[in-house]
N, C-alpha and C. Protein backbone atom coordinates (compact mmCIF):
# COMPACT_ATOMS: atom_id res chain seq x y z
N MET A 1 0.84 -1.18 0.00
CA MET A 1 0.00 0.00 0.00
C MET A 1 0.89 1.24 0.00
N ASP A 2 0.54 2.20 -0.81
CA ASP A 2 1.25 3.46 -0.88
C ASP A 2 0.97 4.25 0.40
N LEU A 3 2.03 4.56 1.15
CA LEU A 3 1.85 5.25 2.42
C LEU A 3 1.21 6.62 2.25
N ASP A 4 1.36 7.25 1.07
CA ASP A 4 0.71 8.54 0.84
C ASP A 4 -0.81 8.42 0.87
N GLN A 5 -1.34 7.22 0.61
CA GLN A 5 -2.78 7.00 0.66
C GLN A 5 -3.31 7.09 2.08
N ASN A 6 -2.43 7.09 3.05
CA ASN A 6 -2.86 7.09 4.44
C ASN A 6 -2.73 8.45 5.11
N ASN A 7 -2.71 9.50 4.32
CA ASN A 7 -2.65 10.85 4.90
C ASN A 7 -3.87 11.14 5.76
N ASP A 8 -5.01 10.50 5.43
CA ASP A 8 -6.21 10.68 6.25
C ASP A 8 -6.01 10.08 7.65
N ILE A 9 -5.21 9.04 7.76
CA ILE A 9 -4.89 8.48 9.07
C ILE A 9 -3.82 9.33 9.74
N ARG A 10 -2.79 9.67 9.00
CA ARG A 10 -1.70 10.52 9.52
C ARG A 10 -2.25 11.80 10.14
N SER A 11 -3.22 12.41 9.47
CA SER A 11 -3.76 13.69 9.95
C SER A 11 -4.50 13.55 11.27
N ARG A 12 -4.85 12.34 11.65
CA ARG A 12 -5.57 12.10 12.91
C ARG A 12 -4.62 11.74 14.05
N ILE A 13 -3.33 11.71 13.79
CA ILE A 13 -2.32 11.41 14.82
C ILE A 13 -1.66 12.72 15.22
N ARG A 14 -1.77 13.04 16.49
CA ARG A 14 -1.26 14.31 17.01
C ARG A 14 0.23 14.16 17.33
N THR A 15 1.00 15.19 17.02
CA THR A 15 2.41 15.24 17.39
C THR A 15 2.56 16.20 18.57
N ILE A 16 3.19 15.70 19.63
CA ILE A 16 3.43 16.52 20.82
C ILE A 16 4.94 16.71 20.94
N PRO A 17 5.42 17.95 20.68
CA PRO A 17 6.87 18.19 20.74
C PRO A 17 7.40 18.12 22.17
N ASP A 18 8.65 17.67 22.26
CA ASP A 18 9.40 17.65 23.52
C ASP A 18 8.75 16.81 24.61
N PHE A 19 8.14 15.69 24.22
CA PHE A 19 7.59 14.75 25.19
C PHE A 19 8.10 13.36 24.85
N PRO A 20 8.60 12.59 25.78
CA PRO A 20 8.67 12.86 27.21
C PRO A 20 9.91 13.66 27.63
N LYS A 21 10.74 14.02 26.64
CA LYS A 21 11.90 14.86 26.96
C LYS A 21 12.20 15.74 25.76
N PRO A 22 12.97 16.79 25.96
CA PRO A 22 13.28 17.71 24.86
C PRO A 22 13.88 16.99 23.66
N GLY A 23 13.42 17.40 22.47
CA GLY A 23 13.92 16.83 21.23
C GLY A 23 13.10 15.67 20.68
N ILE A 24 12.21 15.11 21.49
CA ILE A 24 11.37 14.00 21.06
C ILE A 24 10.06 14.56 20.50
N GLN A 25 9.66 14.02 19.35
CA GLN A 25 8.36 14.33 18.76
C GLN A 25 7.44 13.14 19.03
N PHE A 26 6.62 13.23 20.05
CA PHE A 26 5.77 12.12 20.46
C PHE A 26 4.58 11.99 19.51
N ARG A 27 4.39 10.82 18.93
CA ARG A 27 3.28 10.56 18.01
C ARG A 27 2.13 9.96 18.81
N ASP A 28 1.14 10.77 19.09
CA ASP A 28 0.04 10.43 19.98
C ASP A 28 -1.15 9.87 19.20
N ILE A 29 -1.41 8.59 19.35
CA ILE A 29 -2.50 7.95 18.61
C ILE A 29 -3.84 8.10 19.31
N THR A 30 -3.88 8.70 20.51
CA THR A 30 -5.17 8.82 21.20
C THR A 30 -6.16 9.64 20.38
N THR A 31 -5.66 10.60 19.61
CA THR A 31 -6.56 11.39 18.77
C THR A 31 -7.13 10.53 17.64
N LEU A 32 -6.39 9.58 17.15
CA LEU A 32 -6.88 8.64 16.15
C LEU A 32 -7.94 7.73 16.77
N LEU A 33 -7.69 7.26 17.98
CA LEU A 33 -8.63 6.37 18.66
C LEU A 33 -9.96 7.05 18.95
N LEU A 34 -9.94 8.36 19.16
CA LEU A 34 -11.16 9.10 19.44
C LEU A 34 -12.04 9.31 18.21
N ASP A 35 -11.49 9.07 17.05
CA ASP A 35 -12.18 9.33 15.79
C ASP A 35 -12.69 8.01 15.21
N ALA A 36 -13.99 7.77 15.27
CA ALA A 36 -14.57 6.49 14.83
C ALA A 36 -14.21 6.17 13.39
N GLU A 37 -14.32 7.15 12.49
CA GLU A 37 -14.00 6.90 11.08
C GLU A 37 -12.51 6.60 10.92
N GLY A 38 -11.66 7.35 11.61
CA GLY A 38 -10.22 7.12 11.52
C GLY A 38 -9.83 5.75 12.04
N LEU A 39 -10.44 5.34 13.14
CA LEU A 39 -10.15 4.02 13.70
C LEU A 39 -10.60 2.92 12.73
N LYS A 40 -11.77 3.08 12.16
CA LYS A 40 -12.26 2.09 11.19
C LYS A 40 -11.33 2.01 9.98
N LEU A 41 -10.93 3.15 9.44
CA LEU A 41 -10.00 3.17 8.32
C LEU A 41 -8.69 2.46 8.67
N THR A 42 -8.21 2.72 9.88
CA THR A 42 -6.96 2.11 10.33
C THR A 42 -7.07 0.59 10.36
N ILE A 43 -8.13 0.08 10.97
CA ILE A 43 -8.31 -1.37 11.06
C ILE A 43 -8.52 -1.97 9.67
N ASP A 44 -9.33 -1.33 8.84
CA ASP A 44 -9.55 -1.82 7.47
C ASP A 44 -8.22 -1.93 6.72
N ARG A 45 -7.41 -0.91 6.81
CA ARG A 45 -6.16 -0.89 6.04
C ARG A 45 -5.11 -1.82 6.63
N MET A 46 -5.07 -1.95 7.96
CA MET A 46 -4.15 -2.92 8.55
C MET A 46 -4.55 -4.33 8.13
N ALA A 47 -5.85 -4.62 8.14
CA ALA A 47 -6.32 -5.95 7.74
C ALA A 47 -5.97 -6.23 6.28
N ALA A 48 -6.07 -5.22 5.44
CA ALA A 48 -5.76 -5.39 4.02
C ALA A 48 -4.29 -5.71 3.79
N GLN A 49 -3.42 -5.34 4.72
CA GLN A 49 -1.98 -5.59 4.57
C GLN A 49 -1.54 -6.94 5.11
N VAL A 50 -2.44 -7.68 5.75
CA VAL A 50 -2.06 -8.97 6.32
C VAL A 50 -1.72 -9.93 5.20
N GLN A 51 -0.57 -10.58 5.36
CA GLN A 51 -0.06 -11.49 4.34
C GLN A 51 -0.38 -12.94 4.72
N GLY A 52 -1.39 -13.48 4.10
CA GLY A 52 -1.70 -14.88 4.33
C GLY A 52 -2.55 -15.10 5.56
N PRO A 53 -2.97 -16.34 5.75
CA PRO A 53 -3.83 -16.65 6.90
C PRO A 53 -3.04 -16.58 8.21
N VAL A 54 -3.75 -16.19 9.26
CA VAL A 54 -3.17 -16.19 10.60
C VAL A 54 -4.12 -16.92 11.55
N ASP A 55 -3.54 -17.53 12.56
CA ASP A 55 -4.32 -18.24 13.57
C ASP A 55 -4.61 -17.36 14.78
N LEU A 56 -3.68 -16.46 15.09
CA LEU A 56 -3.81 -15.58 16.25
C LEU A 56 -3.24 -14.22 15.91
N VAL A 57 -3.79 -13.20 16.57
CA VAL A 57 -3.20 -11.87 16.51
C VAL A 57 -2.65 -11.57 17.89
N ALA A 58 -1.35 -11.32 17.97
CA ALA A 58 -0.69 -11.02 19.25
C ALA A 58 -0.55 -9.52 19.40
N GLY A 59 -1.09 -8.98 20.47
CA GLY A 59 -0.99 -7.55 20.75
C GLY A 59 -0.02 -7.29 21.87
N ILE A 60 0.83 -6.28 21.68
CA ILE A 60 1.80 -5.90 22.70
C ILE A 60 1.18 -4.87 23.62
N GLU A 61 1.32 -5.09 24.93
CA GLU A 61 0.77 -4.19 25.95
C GLU A 61 1.25 -2.77 25.74
N ALA A 62 0.44 -1.80 25.87
CA ALA A 62 -1.00 -1.86 26.08
C ALA A 62 -1.75 -1.41 24.83
N ARG A 63 -1.21 -0.43 24.12
CA ARG A 63 -1.94 0.08 22.95
C ARG A 63 -2.07 -0.97 21.85
N GLY A 64 -1.15 -1.89 21.78
CA GLY A 64 -1.26 -2.96 20.80
C GLY A 64 -2.48 -3.83 21.01
N PHE A 65 -2.97 -3.92 22.27
CA PHE A 65 -4.17 -4.70 22.54
C PHE A 65 -5.37 -4.17 21.76
N LEU A 66 -5.46 -2.84 21.66
CA LEU A 66 -6.61 -2.22 20.99
C LEU A 66 -6.67 -2.62 19.52
N PHE A 67 -5.54 -2.48 18.84
CA PHE A 67 -5.49 -2.80 17.42
C PHE A 67 -5.56 -4.31 17.18
N ALA A 68 -4.92 -5.09 18.05
CA ALA A 68 -4.95 -6.55 17.90
C ALA A 68 -6.36 -7.08 18.06
N SER A 69 -7.10 -6.57 19.01
CA SER A 69 -8.47 -7.05 19.22
C SER A 69 -9.36 -6.76 18.02
N ALA A 70 -9.27 -5.54 17.51
CA ALA A 70 -10.09 -5.19 16.35
C ALA A 70 -9.68 -6.00 15.11
N LEU A 71 -8.39 -6.19 14.92
CA LEU A 71 -7.93 -6.99 13.79
C LEU A 71 -8.34 -8.45 13.93
N ALA A 72 -8.27 -8.97 15.14
CA ALA A 72 -8.66 -10.37 15.36
C ALA A 72 -10.13 -10.57 15.02
N MET A 73 -10.96 -9.62 15.37
CA MET A 73 -12.38 -9.72 15.01
C MET A 73 -12.54 -9.73 13.50
N ARG A 74 -11.81 -8.85 12.83
CA ARG A 74 -11.90 -8.78 11.37
C ARG A 74 -11.37 -10.05 10.72
N LEU A 75 -10.27 -10.61 11.26
CA LEU A 75 -9.63 -11.78 10.67
C LEU A 75 -10.21 -13.09 11.21
N GLU A 76 -11.14 -12.99 12.15
CA GLU A 76 -11.79 -14.15 12.77
C GLU A 76 -10.79 -15.08 13.43
N THR A 77 -9.95 -14.48 14.28
CA THR A 77 -8.95 -15.23 15.04
C THR A 77 -9.08 -14.86 16.52
N GLY A 78 -8.29 -15.52 17.34
CA GLY A 78 -8.19 -15.14 18.73
C GLY A 78 -7.10 -14.09 18.92
N VAL A 79 -7.04 -13.56 20.14
CA VAL A 79 -6.04 -12.55 20.51
C VAL A 79 -5.12 -13.13 21.56
N LEU A 80 -3.83 -13.01 21.33
CA LEU A 80 -2.81 -13.44 22.27
C LEU A 80 -2.22 -12.18 22.91
N LEU A 81 -2.23 -12.12 24.24
CA LEU A 81 -1.73 -10.94 24.95
C LEU A 81 -0.26 -11.09 25.27
N VAL A 82 0.54 -10.12 24.82
CA VAL A 82 1.96 -10.03 25.18
C VAL A 82 2.04 -8.96 26.25
N ARG A 83 2.29 -9.38 27.50
CA ARG A 83 2.18 -8.48 28.65
C ARG A 83 3.51 -8.27 29.33
N LYS A 84 3.56 -7.24 30.14
CA LYS A 84 4.70 -7.04 31.01
C LYS A 84 4.73 -8.21 31.99
N ASP A 85 5.93 -8.65 32.34
CA ASP A 85 6.07 -9.80 33.22
C ASP A 85 5.36 -9.55 34.54
N GLY A 86 4.73 -10.59 35.07
CA GLY A 86 4.05 -10.51 36.35
C GLY A 86 2.59 -10.10 36.25
N LYS A 87 2.08 -9.86 35.06
CA LYS A 87 0.69 -9.42 34.88
C LYS A 87 -0.26 -10.55 34.52
N LEU A 88 0.27 -11.70 34.14
CA LEU A 88 -0.58 -12.82 33.74
C LEU A 88 -0.63 -13.88 34.83
N PRO A 89 -1.81 -14.42 35.12
CA PRO A 89 -1.90 -15.51 36.08
C PRO A 89 -1.48 -16.82 35.43
N GLY A 90 -1.14 -17.78 36.22
CA GLY A 90 -0.80 -19.10 35.67
C GLY A 90 0.60 -19.16 35.13
N ALA A 91 0.89 -20.28 34.48
CA ALA A 91 2.23 -20.53 33.95
C ALA A 91 2.50 -19.63 32.75
N THR A 92 3.66 -19.01 32.75
CA THR A 92 4.05 -18.12 31.65
C THR A 92 5.45 -18.47 31.17
N ILE A 93 5.76 -17.98 29.97
CA ILE A 93 7.13 -17.95 29.48
C ILE A 93 7.44 -16.48 29.22
N ALA A 94 8.72 -16.11 29.38
CA ALA A 94 9.07 -14.70 29.32
C ALA A 94 10.34 -14.49 28.51
N GLU A 95 10.56 -13.24 28.16
CA GLU A 95 11.74 -12.84 27.38
C GLU A 95 12.20 -11.47 27.86
N ASP A 96 13.49 -11.36 28.11
CA ASP A 96 14.08 -10.07 28.50
C ASP A 96 14.46 -9.28 27.25
N TYR A 97 14.49 -7.97 27.40
CA TYR A 97 14.98 -7.11 26.32
C TYR A 97 15.59 -5.86 26.92
N ALA A 98 16.46 -5.25 26.14
CA ALA A 98 17.20 -4.08 26.62
C ALA A 98 16.40 -2.81 26.44
N LEU A 99 16.51 -1.94 27.42
CA LEU A 99 15.98 -0.59 27.36
C LEU A 99 17.16 0.37 27.29
N GLU A 100 16.87 1.65 27.15
CA GLU A 100 17.95 2.64 27.11
C GLU A 100 18.81 2.55 28.37
N TYR A 101 18.14 2.38 29.52
CA TYR A 101 18.85 2.23 30.80
C TYR A 101 18.30 1.02 31.52
N GLY A 102 18.86 -0.16 31.28
CA GLY A 102 18.43 -1.37 31.97
C GLY A 102 17.73 -2.35 31.05
N THR A 103 16.89 -3.19 31.65
CA THR A 103 16.17 -4.21 30.91
C THR A 103 14.72 -4.25 31.35
N ASP A 104 13.92 -4.91 30.56
CA ASP A 104 12.53 -5.17 30.92
C ASP A 104 12.22 -6.60 30.49
N ARG A 105 11.01 -7.05 30.76
CA ARG A 105 10.65 -8.44 30.49
C ARG A 105 9.18 -8.49 30.09
N ILE A 106 8.89 -9.26 29.04
CA ILE A 106 7.51 -9.48 28.62
C ILE A 106 7.21 -10.97 28.72
N ALA A 107 5.92 -11.28 28.79
CA ALA A 107 5.53 -12.67 28.99
C ALA A 107 4.23 -12.98 28.26
N ILE A 108 4.02 -14.27 28.00
CA ILE A 108 2.75 -14.79 27.50
C ILE A 108 2.43 -16.05 28.31
N HIS A 109 1.18 -16.45 28.29
CA HIS A 109 0.84 -17.73 28.92
C HIS A 109 1.57 -18.86 28.19
N ALA A 110 2.04 -19.81 28.95
CA ALA A 110 2.79 -20.94 28.38
C ALA A 110 1.96 -21.72 27.36
N ASP A 111 0.65 -21.71 27.54
CA ASP A 111 -0.23 -22.45 26.63
C ASP A 111 -1.00 -21.52 25.68
N ALA A 112 -0.47 -20.33 25.42
CA ALA A 112 -1.19 -19.33 24.62
C ALA A 112 -1.35 -19.72 23.16
N CYS A 113 -0.43 -20.50 22.64
CA CYS A 113 -0.57 -20.89 21.23
C CYS A 113 0.01 -22.27 21.01
N ALA A 114 -0.57 -22.94 20.06
CA ALA A 114 -0.11 -24.28 19.70
C ALA A 114 1.16 -24.16 18.86
N PRO A 115 2.06 -25.12 18.96
CA PRO A 115 3.24 -25.12 18.10
C PRO A 115 2.82 -25.03 16.63
N GLY A 116 3.50 -24.18 15.90
CA GLY A 116 3.19 -23.99 14.48
C GLY A 116 2.10 -22.96 14.21
N ALA A 117 1.50 -22.40 15.25
CA ALA A 117 0.46 -21.38 15.05
C ALA A 117 1.04 -20.20 14.29
N ARG A 118 0.28 -19.72 13.32
CA ARG A 118 0.69 -18.57 12.51
C ARG A 118 0.19 -17.31 13.21
N VAL A 119 1.12 -16.45 13.62
CA VAL A 119 0.78 -15.30 14.46
C VAL A 119 1.13 -13.99 13.76
N LEU A 120 0.20 -13.05 13.84
CA LEU A 120 0.41 -11.67 13.41
C LEU A 120 0.69 -10.86 14.66
N LEU A 121 1.84 -10.23 14.74
CA LEU A 121 2.21 -9.39 15.88
C LEU A 121 1.79 -7.95 15.58
N VAL A 122 1.13 -7.30 16.55
CA VAL A 122 0.58 -5.96 16.33
C VAL A 122 0.93 -5.03 17.48
N ASP A 123 1.27 -3.79 17.11
CA ASP A 123 1.42 -2.72 18.10
C ASP A 123 1.09 -1.41 17.41
N ASP A 124 0.95 -0.37 18.20
CA ASP A 124 0.59 0.92 17.62
C ASP A 124 1.75 1.56 16.88
N LEU A 125 2.97 1.37 17.38
CA LEU A 125 4.12 2.09 16.84
C LEU A 125 5.37 1.25 16.94
N ILE A 126 6.23 1.33 15.93
CA ILE A 126 7.55 0.68 15.97
C ILE A 126 8.60 1.78 15.98
N ALA A 127 9.43 1.77 17.01
CA ALA A 127 10.50 2.76 17.14
C ALA A 127 11.84 2.02 17.06
N THR A 128 12.46 1.74 18.20
CA THR A 128 13.73 1.01 18.18
C THR A 128 13.55 -0.48 17.97
N GLY A 129 12.35 -0.97 18.24
CA GLY A 129 12.04 -2.37 18.00
C GLY A 129 12.37 -3.31 19.14
N GLY A 130 12.84 -2.80 20.26
CA GLY A 130 13.22 -3.68 21.36
C GLY A 130 12.11 -4.58 21.85
N THR A 131 10.95 -4.01 22.10
CA THR A 131 9.83 -4.79 22.59
C THR A 131 9.31 -5.74 21.51
N ALA A 132 9.18 -5.24 20.28
CA ALA A 132 8.67 -6.09 19.19
C ALA A 132 9.61 -7.26 18.92
N ARG A 133 10.90 -7.01 18.92
CA ARG A 133 11.85 -8.10 18.67
C ARG A 133 11.81 -9.12 19.81
N ALA A 134 11.66 -8.64 21.05
CA ALA A 134 11.52 -9.56 22.18
C ALA A 134 10.24 -10.37 22.05
N ALA A 135 9.17 -9.74 21.59
CA ALA A 135 7.90 -10.46 21.40
C ALA A 135 8.05 -11.55 20.34
N VAL A 136 8.77 -11.26 19.27
CA VAL A 136 9.02 -12.27 18.24
C VAL A 136 9.79 -13.44 18.83
N ARG A 137 10.85 -13.16 19.58
CA ARG A 137 11.63 -14.24 20.22
C ARG A 137 10.75 -15.06 21.16
N LEU A 138 9.90 -14.38 21.91
CA LEU A 138 9.01 -15.05 22.85
C LEU A 138 8.01 -15.94 22.11
N LEU A 139 7.44 -15.44 21.05
CA LEU A 139 6.50 -16.25 20.27
C LEU A 139 7.20 -17.44 19.63
N HIS A 140 8.41 -17.25 19.16
CA HIS A 140 9.18 -18.39 18.62
C HIS A 140 9.45 -19.41 19.72
N LYS A 141 9.78 -18.94 20.91
CA LYS A 141 10.02 -19.83 22.05
C LYS A 141 8.78 -20.69 22.34
N ALA A 142 7.60 -20.12 22.10
CA ALA A 142 6.34 -20.84 22.31
C ALA A 142 6.01 -21.77 21.14
N GLY A 143 6.81 -21.72 20.08
CA GLY A 143 6.59 -22.58 18.92
C GLY A 143 5.79 -21.93 17.80
N ALA A 144 5.47 -20.65 17.95
CA ALA A 144 4.69 -19.96 16.93
C ALA A 144 5.55 -19.58 15.73
N VAL A 145 4.88 -19.37 14.61
CA VAL A 145 5.50 -18.82 13.41
C VAL A 145 4.98 -17.40 13.28
N VAL A 146 5.86 -16.42 13.41
CA VAL A 146 5.44 -15.03 13.29
C VAL A 146 5.43 -14.69 11.80
N VAL A 147 4.23 -14.55 11.24
CA VAL A 147 4.11 -14.34 9.80
C VAL A 147 4.30 -12.89 9.40
N GLN A 148 4.06 -11.98 10.36
CA GLN A 148 4.15 -10.57 10.03
C GLN A 148 4.05 -9.76 11.32
N ALA A 149 4.62 -8.56 11.29
CA ALA A 149 4.43 -7.58 12.36
C ALA A 149 3.79 -6.35 11.72
N ALA A 150 2.69 -5.89 12.29
CA ALA A 150 1.94 -4.78 11.73
C ALA A 150 1.84 -3.65 12.75
N PHE A 151 2.06 -2.43 12.26
CA PHE A 151 2.04 -1.24 13.11
C PHE A 151 1.24 -0.14 12.43
N VAL A 152 0.69 0.73 13.24
CA VAL A 152 0.04 1.91 12.68
C VAL A 152 1.12 2.89 12.23
N VAL A 153 2.12 3.10 13.08
CA VAL A 153 3.17 4.10 12.84
C VAL A 153 4.55 3.45 12.85
N ASP A 154 5.38 3.86 11.91
CA ASP A 154 6.80 3.48 11.88
C ASP A 154 7.64 4.75 11.99
N LEU A 155 8.63 4.71 12.88
CA LEU A 155 9.64 5.77 12.99
C LEU A 155 10.94 5.18 12.45
N PRO A 156 11.16 5.23 11.13
CA PRO A 156 12.25 4.49 10.51
C PRO A 156 13.65 4.89 10.96
N GLU A 157 13.84 6.13 11.36
CA GLU A 157 15.17 6.57 11.79
C GLU A 157 15.63 5.84 13.05
N LEU A 158 14.69 5.25 13.80
CA LEU A 158 15.06 4.53 15.02
C LEU A 158 15.37 3.07 14.75
N GLY A 159 15.08 2.58 13.54
CA GLY A 159 15.58 1.29 13.09
C GLY A 159 14.84 0.04 13.48
N GLY A 160 13.73 0.15 14.18
CA GLY A 160 13.04 -1.05 14.64
C GLY A 160 12.47 -1.91 13.53
N ALA A 161 11.83 -1.30 12.56
CA ALA A 161 11.26 -2.08 11.46
C ALA A 161 12.36 -2.77 10.66
N ALA A 162 13.45 -2.06 10.42
CA ALA A 162 14.58 -2.66 9.70
C ALA A 162 15.15 -3.84 10.48
N ALA A 163 15.26 -3.71 11.80
CA ALA A 163 15.78 -4.79 12.63
C ALA A 163 14.86 -6.01 12.56
N LEU A 164 13.55 -5.79 12.59
CA LEU A 164 12.62 -6.91 12.47
C LEU A 164 12.77 -7.59 11.11
N ARG A 165 12.91 -6.79 10.07
CA ARG A 165 13.11 -7.38 8.73
C ARG A 165 14.41 -8.18 8.70
N ASP A 166 15.46 -7.66 9.33
CA ASP A 166 16.73 -8.39 9.41
C ASP A 166 16.56 -9.71 10.15
N ASP A 167 15.60 -9.75 11.08
CA ASP A 167 15.29 -10.98 11.82
C ASP A 167 14.40 -11.93 11.01
N GLY A 168 14.03 -11.52 9.80
CA GLY A 168 13.22 -12.38 8.94
C GLY A 168 11.72 -12.20 9.09
N VAL A 169 11.29 -11.11 9.70
CA VAL A 169 9.86 -10.86 9.90
C VAL A 169 9.39 -9.82 8.90
N ALA A 170 8.33 -10.12 8.18
CA ALA A 170 7.71 -9.12 7.29
C ALA A 170 7.08 -8.03 8.15
N VAL A 171 7.25 -6.78 7.74
CA VAL A 171 6.77 -5.65 8.53
C VAL A 171 5.89 -4.77 7.65
N SER A 172 4.76 -4.33 8.22
CA SER A 172 3.93 -3.35 7.55
C SER A 172 3.60 -2.23 8.53
N ALA A 173 3.43 -1.03 7.98
CA ALA A 173 3.01 0.14 8.77
C ALA A 173 2.17 1.02 7.86
N LEU A 174 1.19 1.68 8.45
CA LEU A 174 0.33 2.55 7.65
C LEU A 174 0.93 3.93 7.45
N VAL A 175 1.60 4.44 8.47
CA VAL A 175 2.10 5.81 8.45
C VAL A 175 3.56 5.81 8.86
N VAL A 176 4.36 6.56 8.13
CA VAL A 176 5.78 6.73 8.47
C VAL A 176 6.00 8.19 8.85
N PHE A 177 6.61 8.40 10.00
CA PHE A 177 7.01 9.73 10.43
C PHE A 177 8.53 9.78 10.42
N GLU A 178 9.08 10.61 9.59
CA GLU A 178 10.53 10.81 9.60
C GLU A 178 10.89 11.61 10.84
N GLY A 179 12.08 11.38 11.34
CA GLY A 179 12.50 12.06 12.57
C GLY A 179 11.87 11.41 13.78
N HIS A 180 12.32 11.81 14.94
CA HIS A 180 11.75 11.24 16.16
C HIS A 180 11.64 12.33 17.18
């Protein structure tokens, strides 16, 4: 899909300068979520970019849950929650990933997907890719096949989408914002 066709979605995403620190251009999707037509367009276009059949849509906490749920309904699949460690009851498997200062950990239920399940990974935005790449490793650890990672927004200068592609994951995004 030609990203220029998504200017109607881009125009519904607010940019907040110098948040959370000076020099950062925060891409705020809450304005998109408040707009029923914009949200519908977003889900329609994300669904149109899905490559092949999927068994589950995995959403990354927390904004990814919103898009994953809507996409799962459209694709007639279940939703797999990728959560911060310690938030899920029962047996889980987890994966650590690096942050700017330190590490964090995400988890899924140990029985969240059957081996060989075809999974679409979804989040609102891809920046450095740390969380998304950890989610891919975690899904692979569970035996899933990650068929694609889909995002509303890509910040290409931060390299996350390129890193996912280098890891062998197909990546799609509706809107690209140059700069960060």
